[in-house]
N, C-alpha and C. Protein backbone atom coordinates (compact mmCIF):
# COMPACT_ATOMS: atom_id res chain seq x y z
N MET A 1 92.57 183.51 138.59
CA MET A 1 91.23 183.91 138.23
C MET A 1 90.78 185.07 139.14
N ASP A 2 90.12 186.03 138.57
CA ASP A 2 89.52 187.14 139.32
C ASP A 2 88.11 186.70 139.72
N THR A 3 87.98 186.20 140.95
CA THR A 3 86.71 185.63 141.41
C THR A 3 85.57 186.65 141.36
N ALA A 4 85.83 187.88 141.79
CA ALA A 4 84.78 188.90 141.79
C ALA A 4 84.22 189.11 140.38
N HIS A 5 85.11 189.24 139.41
CA HIS A 5 84.67 189.43 138.02
C HIS A 5 83.94 188.20 137.50
N PHE A 6 84.41 187.02 137.84
CA PHE A 6 83.79 185.77 137.42
C PHE A 6 82.34 185.70 137.90
N ILE A 7 82.11 186.05 139.16
CA ILE A 7 80.75 186.02 139.72
C ILE A 7 79.88 187.09 139.06
N THR A 8 80.43 188.26 138.82
CA THR A 8 79.69 189.32 138.12
C THR A 8 79.27 188.85 136.73
N GLN A 9 80.19 188.19 136.03
CA GLN A 9 79.87 187.63 134.71
C GLN A 9 78.75 186.60 134.80
N PHE A 10 78.82 185.74 135.82
CA PHE A 10 77.80 184.71 136.01
C PHE A 10 76.42 185.36 136.16
N ILE A 11 76.31 186.35 137.01
CA ILE A 11 75.01 187.03 137.21
C ILE A 11 74.54 187.63 135.89
N ASP A 12 75.42 188.29 135.18
CA ASP A 12 75.02 188.93 133.94
C ASP A 12 74.61 187.91 132.87
N GLU A 13 75.47 186.94 132.62
CA GLU A 13 75.22 186.01 131.52
C GLU A 13 74.10 185.00 131.83
N ILE A 14 74.08 184.48 133.04
CA ILE A 14 73.11 183.43 133.35
C ILE A 14 71.78 184.01 133.81
N TRP A 15 71.81 184.88 134.83
CA TRP A 15 70.55 185.42 135.34
C TRP A 15 69.96 186.47 134.41
N ASN A 16 70.75 187.44 133.98
CA ASN A 16 70.20 188.56 133.21
C ASN A 16 69.99 188.23 131.74
N GLN A 17 70.89 187.47 131.15
CA GLN A 17 70.77 187.17 129.72
C GLN A 17 70.21 185.77 129.45
N GLN A 18 70.13 184.94 130.49
CA GLN A 18 69.65 183.56 130.37
C GLN A 18 70.40 182.79 129.29
N ARG A 19 71.71 182.93 129.31
CA ARG A 19 72.57 182.20 128.36
C ARG A 19 72.95 180.86 128.97
N PHE A 20 72.00 179.95 128.98
CA PHE A 20 72.20 178.67 129.64
C PHE A 20 73.28 177.81 128.99
N ASP A 21 73.61 178.11 127.74
CA ASP A 21 74.72 177.41 127.08
C ASP A 21 76.04 177.70 127.80
N ARG A 22 76.08 178.75 128.62
CA ARG A 22 77.29 179.14 129.34
C ARG A 22 77.38 178.51 130.74
N LEU A 23 76.36 177.77 131.17
CA LEU A 23 76.40 177.15 132.50
C LEU A 23 77.65 176.30 132.72
N PRO A 24 78.06 175.45 131.76
CA PRO A 24 79.27 174.65 132.00
C PRO A 24 80.53 175.49 132.24
N HIS A 25 80.58 176.68 131.69
CA HIS A 25 81.72 177.58 131.90
C HIS A 25 81.78 178.03 133.37
N PHE A 26 80.62 178.20 133.99
CA PHE A 26 80.55 178.76 135.33
C PHE A 26 80.42 177.71 136.44
N LEU A 27 79.72 176.62 136.18
CA LEU A 27 79.38 175.68 137.25
C LEU A 27 80.27 174.45 137.27
N HIS A 28 80.75 174.13 138.43
CA HIS A 28 81.52 172.91 138.68
C HIS A 28 80.60 171.71 138.47
N PRO A 29 81.11 170.57 137.99
CA PRO A 29 80.25 169.39 137.82
C PRO A 29 79.54 168.95 139.10
N ASP A 30 80.11 169.27 140.26
CA ASP A 30 79.49 168.90 141.54
C ASP A 30 78.73 170.07 142.16
N PHE A 31 78.32 171.03 141.36
CA PHE A 31 77.60 172.21 141.82
C PHE A 31 76.37 171.84 142.65
N THR A 32 76.20 172.54 143.77
CA THR A 32 75.00 172.40 144.61
C THR A 32 74.43 173.78 144.87
N ASP A 33 73.14 173.93 144.61
CA ASP A 33 72.43 175.17 144.91
C ASP A 33 71.57 174.91 146.14
N HIS A 34 71.91 175.58 147.23
CA HIS A 34 71.23 175.36 148.51
C HIS A 34 69.96 176.20 148.65
N SER A 35 69.60 176.95 147.63
CA SER A 35 68.49 177.90 147.77
C SER A 35 67.32 177.65 146.82
N LEU A 36 67.38 176.61 146.04
CA LEU A 36 66.30 176.34 145.10
C LEU A 36 65.07 175.80 145.84
N PRO A 37 63.87 176.03 145.27
CA PRO A 37 62.68 175.41 145.87
C PRO A 37 62.85 173.90 145.94
N SER A 38 62.24 173.29 146.94
CA SER A 38 62.46 171.87 147.23
C SER A 38 62.01 170.94 146.10
N HIS A 39 61.14 171.39 145.22
CA HIS A 39 60.69 170.52 144.13
C HIS A 39 61.70 170.45 142.98
N LEU A 40 62.76 171.25 143.05
CA LEU A 40 63.79 171.25 142.00
C LEU A 40 65.05 170.56 142.50
N PRO A 41 65.76 169.87 141.61
CA PRO A 41 67.04 169.28 142.03
C PRO A 41 68.05 170.40 142.31
N PRO A 42 68.89 170.24 143.34
CA PRO A 42 69.81 171.31 143.72
C PRO A 42 71.09 171.35 142.88
N ASN A 43 70.93 171.28 141.56
CA ASN A 43 72.08 171.23 140.66
C ASN A 43 71.86 172.19 139.49
N ALA A 44 72.69 172.09 138.47
CA ALA A 44 72.60 172.99 137.31
C ALA A 44 71.24 172.89 136.62
N THR A 45 70.69 171.69 136.55
CA THR A 45 69.37 171.51 135.92
C THR A 45 68.30 172.25 136.70
N GLY A 46 68.35 172.14 138.02
CA GLY A 46 67.39 172.85 138.86
C GLY A 46 67.55 174.36 138.75
N LEU A 47 68.80 174.83 138.73
CA LEU A 47 69.05 176.26 138.59
C LEU A 47 68.47 176.79 137.28
N GLN A 48 68.71 176.09 136.20
CA GLN A 48 68.18 176.52 134.90
C GLN A 48 66.66 176.53 134.92
N ALA A 49 66.05 175.51 135.51
CA ALA A 49 64.59 175.44 135.60
C ALA A 49 64.04 176.62 136.41
N TRP A 50 64.73 176.96 137.51
CA TRP A 50 64.27 178.06 138.36
C TRP A 50 64.37 179.41 137.62
N ILE A 51 65.51 179.65 136.97
CA ILE A 51 65.67 180.90 136.23
C ILE A 51 64.63 181.00 135.12
N SER A 52 64.35 179.89 134.45
CA SER A 52 63.33 179.88 133.40
C SER A 52 61.95 180.18 133.97
N ALA A 53 61.64 179.60 135.14
CA ALA A 53 60.34 179.83 135.78
C ALA A 53 60.19 181.29 136.19
N VAL A 54 61.25 181.86 136.75
CA VAL A 54 61.21 183.28 137.11
C VAL A 54 60.98 184.11 135.85
N GLY A 55 61.63 183.72 134.75
CA GLY A 55 61.49 184.44 133.49
C GLY A 55 60.11 184.35 132.88
N GLN A 56 59.33 183.34 133.27
CA GLN A 56 57.95 183.23 132.79
C GLN A 56 57.02 184.17 133.56
N SER A 57 57.44 184.55 134.77
CA SER A 57 56.61 185.43 135.60
C SER A 57 57.05 186.89 135.55
N PHE A 58 58.34 187.10 135.28
CA PHE A 58 58.89 188.45 135.33
C PHE A 58 59.91 188.68 134.23
N GLN A 59 59.94 189.91 133.72
CA GLN A 59 61.12 190.38 133.02
C GLN A 59 62.03 190.82 134.16
N HIS A 60 63.20 190.25 134.26
CA HIS A 60 64.00 190.51 135.46
C HIS A 60 65.43 190.90 135.14
N GLN A 61 65.94 191.71 136.03
CA GLN A 61 67.32 192.18 135.96
C GLN A 61 67.89 192.11 137.38
N THR A 62 69.02 191.44 137.53
CA THR A 62 69.70 191.42 138.82
C THR A 62 70.80 192.48 138.79
N ILE A 63 70.72 193.40 139.74
CA ILE A 63 71.68 194.49 139.83
C ILE A 63 72.52 194.27 141.08
N ILE A 64 73.82 194.21 140.91
CA ILE A 64 74.73 194.01 142.04
C ILE A 64 74.95 195.36 142.71
N GLU A 65 74.56 195.46 143.98
CA GLU A 65 74.73 196.70 144.72
C GLU A 65 76.01 196.70 145.56
N ASP A 66 76.45 195.52 145.97
CA ASP A 66 77.67 195.41 146.76
C ASP A 66 78.22 194.01 146.59
N GLN A 67 79.53 193.88 146.67
CA GLN A 67 80.17 192.57 146.53
C GLN A 67 81.41 192.53 147.41
N VAL A 68 81.53 191.44 148.15
CA VAL A 68 82.72 191.19 148.95
C VAL A 68 83.24 189.82 148.55
N THR A 69 84.49 189.78 148.13
CA THR A 69 85.11 188.53 147.69
C THR A 69 86.41 188.35 148.43
N GLU A 70 86.57 187.17 148.98
CA GLU A 70 87.82 186.83 149.67
C GLU A 70 88.10 185.36 149.42
N GLY A 71 89.27 185.08 148.88
CA GLY A 71 89.64 183.70 148.61
C GLY A 71 88.65 183.03 147.67
N ASP A 72 88.07 181.92 148.12
CA ASP A 72 87.16 181.15 147.28
C ASP A 72 85.69 181.49 147.51
N LYS A 73 85.41 182.62 148.21
CA LYS A 73 84.02 182.98 148.52
C LYS A 73 83.71 184.39 148.05
N SER A 74 82.46 184.56 147.63
CA SER A 74 81.98 185.88 147.21
C SER A 74 80.53 186.01 147.67
N ILE A 75 80.22 187.16 148.26
CA ILE A 75 78.84 187.43 148.65
C ILE A 75 78.41 188.74 148.00
N LEU A 76 77.17 188.73 147.52
CA LEU A 76 76.62 189.89 146.82
C LEU A 76 75.36 190.38 147.53
N LYS A 77 75.22 191.69 147.58
CA LYS A 77 73.92 192.29 147.88
C LYS A 77 73.36 192.67 146.52
N VAL A 78 72.17 192.16 146.22
CA VAL A 78 71.58 192.40 144.91
C VAL A 78 70.22 193.06 145.04
N ARG A 79 69.84 193.75 144.00
CA ARG A 79 68.49 194.29 143.88
C ARG A 79 67.89 193.66 142.63
N LEU A 80 66.74 193.06 142.80
CA LEU A 80 66.02 192.50 141.67
C LEU A 80 65.05 193.55 141.16
N ALA A 81 65.21 193.93 139.91
CA ALA A 81 64.29 194.85 139.24
C ALA A 81 63.41 193.99 138.35
N LEU A 82 62.12 194.00 138.64
CA LEU A 82 61.19 193.06 138.00
C LEU A 82 60.01 193.78 137.37
N VAL A 83 59.57 193.27 136.23
CA VAL A 83 58.31 193.68 135.63
C VAL A 83 57.43 192.44 135.63
N HIS A 84 56.30 192.51 136.28
CA HIS A 84 55.43 191.35 136.45
C HIS A 84 54.68 191.06 135.14
N SER A 85 55.16 190.07 134.40
CA SER A 85 54.64 189.79 133.06
C SER A 85 53.94 188.44 132.93
N GLY A 86 53.89 187.66 134.00
CA GLY A 86 53.23 186.35 133.97
C GLY A 86 52.73 186.01 135.37
N VAL A 87 51.97 184.95 135.47
CA VAL A 87 51.41 184.55 136.76
C VAL A 87 52.54 184.20 137.73
N TRP A 88 52.41 184.72 138.96
CA TRP A 88 53.37 184.42 140.02
C TRP A 88 52.62 184.32 141.33
N ARG A 89 52.77 183.19 142.01
CA ARG A 89 52.07 182.92 143.27
C ARG A 89 50.57 183.19 143.12
N ASP A 90 50.03 182.71 142.02
CA ASP A 90 48.60 182.84 141.70
C ASP A 90 48.15 184.28 141.47
N ILE A 91 49.06 185.19 141.25
CA ILE A 91 48.72 186.58 140.95
C ILE A 91 48.87 186.78 139.44
N ALA A 92 47.77 187.14 138.79
CA ALA A 92 47.79 187.36 137.35
C ALA A 92 48.74 188.50 137.01
N PRO A 93 49.31 188.49 135.80
CA PRO A 93 50.26 189.54 135.41
C PRO A 93 49.66 190.94 135.56
N THR A 94 50.44 191.83 136.14
CA THR A 94 49.98 193.20 136.35
C THR A 94 50.72 194.21 135.49
N GLY A 95 51.91 193.83 135.00
CA GLY A 95 52.72 194.76 134.22
C GLY A 95 53.45 195.80 135.06
N VAL A 96 53.31 195.72 136.39
CA VAL A 96 53.95 196.72 137.24
C VAL A 96 55.42 196.38 137.51
N ASN A 97 56.17 197.41 137.84
CA ASN A 97 57.57 197.26 138.25
C ASN A 97 57.61 197.05 139.76
N VAL A 98 58.33 196.02 140.18
CA VAL A 98 58.54 195.76 141.60
C VAL A 98 60.02 195.48 141.80
N SER A 99 60.44 195.51 143.06
CA SER A 99 61.85 195.21 143.33
C SER A 99 61.99 194.56 144.70
N ALA A 100 63.11 193.91 144.88
CA ALA A 100 63.43 193.29 146.16
C ALA A 100 64.94 193.27 146.32
N ILE A 101 65.36 193.37 147.55
CA ILE A 101 66.77 193.27 147.90
C ILE A 101 67.03 191.83 148.34
N GLY A 102 68.22 191.33 148.04
CA GLY A 102 68.57 189.98 148.46
C GLY A 102 70.08 189.82 148.53
N TYR A 103 70.46 188.63 148.91
CA TYR A 103 71.87 188.29 149.04
C TYR A 103 72.15 186.97 148.36
N ARG A 104 73.28 186.89 147.71
CA ARG A 104 73.74 185.65 147.09
C ARG A 104 75.16 185.38 147.57
N SER A 105 75.43 184.13 147.88
CA SER A 105 76.75 183.73 148.33
C SER A 105 77.23 182.57 147.46
N PHE A 106 78.49 182.64 147.07
CA PHE A 106 79.07 181.65 146.18
C PHE A 106 80.37 181.12 146.78
N ARG A 107 80.63 179.84 146.52
CA ARG A 107 81.94 179.26 146.84
C ARG A 107 82.50 178.68 145.55
N ILE A 108 83.76 178.96 145.30
CA ILE A 108 84.44 178.57 144.06
C ILE A 108 85.43 177.44 144.36
N THR A 109 85.49 176.49 143.46
CA THR A 109 86.51 175.43 143.51
C THR A 109 86.92 175.14 142.08
N GLU A 110 88.20 174.95 141.86
CA GLU A 110 88.72 174.64 140.52
C GLU A 110 88.21 175.64 139.47
N ASP A 111 88.17 176.92 139.85
CA ASP A 111 87.76 178.02 138.98
C ASP A 111 86.31 177.93 138.51
N LYS A 112 85.46 177.27 139.30
CA LYS A 112 84.03 177.17 138.96
C LYS A 112 83.21 177.29 140.25
N ILE A 113 81.96 177.67 140.09
CA ILE A 113 81.05 177.77 141.24
C ILE A 113 80.66 176.36 141.66
N ILE A 114 80.94 176.03 142.92
CA ILE A 114 80.58 174.70 143.42
C ILE A 114 79.37 174.78 144.36
N GLU A 115 79.17 175.93 145.01
CA GLU A 115 78.02 176.08 145.90
C GLU A 115 77.44 177.48 145.79
N HIS A 116 76.12 177.55 145.98
CA HIS A 116 75.40 178.82 145.94
C HIS A 116 74.31 178.80 147.00
N TRP A 117 74.20 179.92 147.72
CA TRP A 117 73.11 180.16 148.67
C TRP A 117 72.50 181.50 148.31
N ALA A 118 71.20 181.64 148.55
CA ALA A 118 70.55 182.93 148.29
C ALA A 118 69.48 183.19 149.35
N LEU A 119 69.29 184.47 149.62
CA LEU A 119 68.21 184.92 150.47
C LEU A 119 67.57 186.09 149.75
N ILE A 120 66.45 185.82 149.11
CA ILE A 120 65.69 186.83 148.36
C ILE A 120 64.30 186.88 148.99
N ASP A 121 63.83 188.06 149.30
CA ASP A 121 62.56 188.20 149.99
C ASP A 121 61.38 188.18 149.01
N GLY A 122 60.92 186.96 148.72
CA GLY A 122 59.78 186.80 147.82
C GLY A 122 58.49 187.39 148.37
N ASN A 123 58.38 187.47 149.69
CA ASN A 123 57.17 188.06 150.28
C ASN A 123 57.06 189.55 149.99
N THR A 124 58.21 190.23 149.93
CA THR A 124 58.20 191.65 149.55
C THR A 124 57.65 191.81 148.14
N ILE A 125 58.08 190.93 147.24
CA ILE A 125 57.59 190.97 145.86
C ILE A 125 56.08 190.72 145.85
N GLU A 126 55.66 189.67 146.55
CA GLU A 126 54.23 189.33 146.60
C GLU A 126 53.41 190.48 147.17
N ASN A 127 53.88 191.08 148.24
CA ASN A 127 53.13 192.19 148.86
C ASN A 127 53.02 193.38 147.92
N GLN A 128 54.09 193.68 147.18
CA GLN A 128 54.02 194.78 146.21
C GLN A 128 52.99 194.48 145.13
N LEU A 129 52.95 193.23 144.67
CA LEU A 129 51.98 192.86 143.64
C LEU A 129 50.55 192.90 144.19
N LYS A 130 50.36 192.40 145.39
CA LYS A 130 49.02 192.40 146.00
C LYS A 130 48.54 193.83 146.24
N ASP A 131 49.45 194.72 146.65
CA ASP A 131 49.07 196.12 146.83
C ASP A 131 48.60 196.73 145.52
N THR A 132 49.26 196.37 144.43
CA THR A 132 48.87 196.86 143.11
C THR A 132 47.51 196.34 142.71
N VAL A 133 47.30 195.01 142.94
CA VAL A 133 46.04 194.37 142.56
C VAL A 133 44.89 194.94 143.38
N SER A 134 45.14 195.24 144.66
CA SER A 134 44.05 195.74 145.53
C SER A 134 43.88 197.25 145.40
N GLY A 135 44.73 197.89 144.64
CA GLY A 135 44.56 199.32 144.38
C GLY A 135 45.42 200.23 145.22
N CYS A 136 46.18 199.69 146.14
CA CYS A 136 47.06 200.52 146.97
C CYS A 136 48.29 200.93 146.18
N LYS A 137 48.68 202.14 146.32
CA LYS A 137 49.93 202.61 145.71
C LYS A 137 50.76 203.22 146.83
N LYS A 138 51.99 202.73 146.94
CA LYS A 138 52.84 203.26 148.00
C LYS A 138 53.76 204.31 147.46
């Protein structure tokens, strides 16, 4: 299996296209997501709920800027390109474009993703939206 390509496909099909019918193709039955909000289960169900929630607040596209894959691990530097189309952190939809840089790390077992970690700066997104709401343009 080409792990780098597999992870790229996962980002495209699951995050960008929200093809949740494809989750079993990508996720190991023992999948754990270490980065979901604490109110969600750290499994495939929680991941789908989180992606759906993000999709209610933003039209979003995850763009892979860099990827390093070695053995059963892959780490990505990603840029989130977002259009604020729904309420997020109590901020009414603004329709503005915002972006944030983040990192995603995956571990593969038996040709499926078994673990995922992410570091996405939600405060950067919030600050961009608040600047728009308060009239500041950077």
